[in-house]
């Protein structure tokens, strides 16, 4: 487990799709590649004092980009979709 709970959650991901998911009590975070579902659940529950029903993780691969004759690959990342119990919210996302 990470030394600090806030190290498990790198940043919230706010896009049009994740904004729609927030209406269903689903919040999306970027997490380290080695973070497990249990660590993510514990971090969210302890930081915001909410009840997590489910955690879904997705590994997003890097994209291939072309710059002239050079081919480079952007780094991938891991994201976690956290579903909260009915009536609970995370205040970080409010007002976005």
Protein backbone atom coordinates (compact mmCIF):
# COMPACT_ATOMS: atom_id res chain seq x y z
CA UNK A 1 0.00 0.00 0.00
CA UNK A 2 1.14 3.57 -0.67
CA UNK A 3 2.71 5.52 2.17
CA UNK A 4 0.02 8.20 1.93
CA UNK A 5 -3.62 7.64 0.95
CA UNK A 6 -3.53 10.69 -1.29
CA UNK A 7 -0.72 9.06 -3.32
CA UNK A 8 -3.23 6.42 -4.47
CA UNK A 9 -5.45 9.05 -6.14
CA UNK A 10 -3.33 11.16 -8.50
CA UNK A 11 -6.08 13.44 -9.81
CA UNK A 12 -9.78 13.47 -10.65
CA UNK A 13 -10.63 13.03 -14.34
CA UNK A 14 -13.32 15.48 -15.42
CA UNK A 15 -14.62 15.11 -18.97
CA UNK A 16 -18.06 15.26 -20.54
CA UNK A 17 -18.46 11.51 -20.14
CA UNK A 18 -17.37 11.47 -16.48
CA UNK A 19 -19.66 14.44 -15.76
CA UNK A 20 -22.62 12.38 -16.97
CA UNK A 21 -21.42 9.43 -14.87
CA UNK A 22 -21.44 11.63 -11.74
CA UNK A 23 -25.25 11.69 -11.93
CA UNK A 24 -25.12 7.92 -11.30
CA UNK A 25 -22.76 8.41 -8.30
CA UNK A 26 -19.72 7.28 -10.31
CA UNK A 27 -16.48 9.27 -9.94
CA UNK A 28 -13.32 8.82 -12.00
CA UNK A 29 -9.70 9.19 -10.83
CA UNK A 30 -6.27 8.67 -12.35
CA UNK A 31 -4.36 6.19 -10.17
CA UNK A 32 -0.86 4.65 -10.21
CA UNK A 33 -0.47 1.53 -12.38
CA UNK A 34 0.33 -0.62 -9.33
CA UNK A 35 -2.72 0.51 -7.29
CA UNK A 36 -5.19 -2.25 -6.45
CA UNK A 37 -8.96 -1.97 -6.17
CA UNK A 38 -8.75 -2.48 -2.41
CA UNK A 39 -6.25 0.40 -2.00
CA UNK A 40 -8.41 2.68 -4.13
CA UNK A 41 -11.54 1.80 -2.12
CA UNK A 42 -9.79 2.43 1.21
CA UNK A 43 -8.34 5.75 0.02
CA UNK A 44 -11.69 7.13 -1.19
CA UNK A 45 -13.56 5.94 1.92
CA UNK A 46 -11.02 7.40 4.36
CA UNK A 47 -10.35 10.71 2.58
CA UNK A 48 -13.98 11.70 1.95
CA UNK A 49 -15.78 9.53 4.54
CA UNK A 50 -18.13 7.91 2.00
CA UNK A 51 -19.28 4.34 1.33
CA UNK A 52 -17.85 2.81 -1.87
CA UNK A 53 -20.02 0.14 -3.50
CA UNK A 54 -17.73 -0.82 -6.41
CA UNK A 55 -14.37 0.01 -7.98
CA UNK A 56 -13.67 -0.60 -11.67
CA UNK A 57 -10.16 -0.10 -13.07
CA UNK A 58 -9.13 0.41 -16.68
CA UNK A 59 -5.61 0.51 -18.14
CA UNK A 60 -5.51 3.13 -20.89
CA UNK A 61 -2.69 2.41 -23.37
CA UNK A 62 -0.50 5.19 -24.74
CA UNK A 63 -1.21 6.58 -28.19
CA UNK A 64 1.20 6.53 -31.12
CA UNK A 65 1.99 9.99 -32.49
CA UNK A 66 3.91 10.99 -35.62
CA UNK A 67 6.21 14.01 -35.84
CA UNK A 68 7.59 14.00 -39.37
CA UNK A 69 9.51 10.76 -39.72
CA UNK A 70 9.66 10.18 -35.94
CA UNK A 71 7.16 7.88 -34.28
CA UNK A 72 6.70 8.42 -30.54
CA UNK A 73 4.32 6.87 -28.05
CA UNK A 74 2.65 8.82 -25.26
CA UNK A 75 2.58 7.23 -21.84
CA UNK A 76 -0.48 5.30 -20.78
CA UNK A 77 -2.24 5.52 -17.45
CA UNK A 78 -4.66 3.67 -15.21
CA UNK A 79 -8.04 5.08 -14.23
CA UNK A 80 -10.45 3.99 -11.54
CA UNK A 81 -14.22 4.44 -11.66
CA UNK A 82 -15.64 4.51 -8.12
CA UNK A 83 -19.37 3.97 -7.47
CA UNK A 84 -20.68 5.47 -4.24
CA UNK A 85 -23.75 4.60 -2.20
CA UNK A 86 -26.95 6.51 -2.98
CA UNK A 87 -27.08 10.04 -1.59
CA UNK A 88 -23.32 10.41 -1.12
CA UNK A 89 -21.06 12.75 -3.09
CA UNK A 90 -17.42 13.77 -3.25
CA UNK A 91 -17.09 17.55 -2.75
CA UNK A 92 -14.03 17.82 -5.05
CA UNK A 93 -16.31 17.31 -8.05
CA UNK A 94 -19.06 19.71 -6.98
CA UNK A 95 -19.30 22.90 -9.01
CA UNK A 96 -17.36 21.58 -12.03
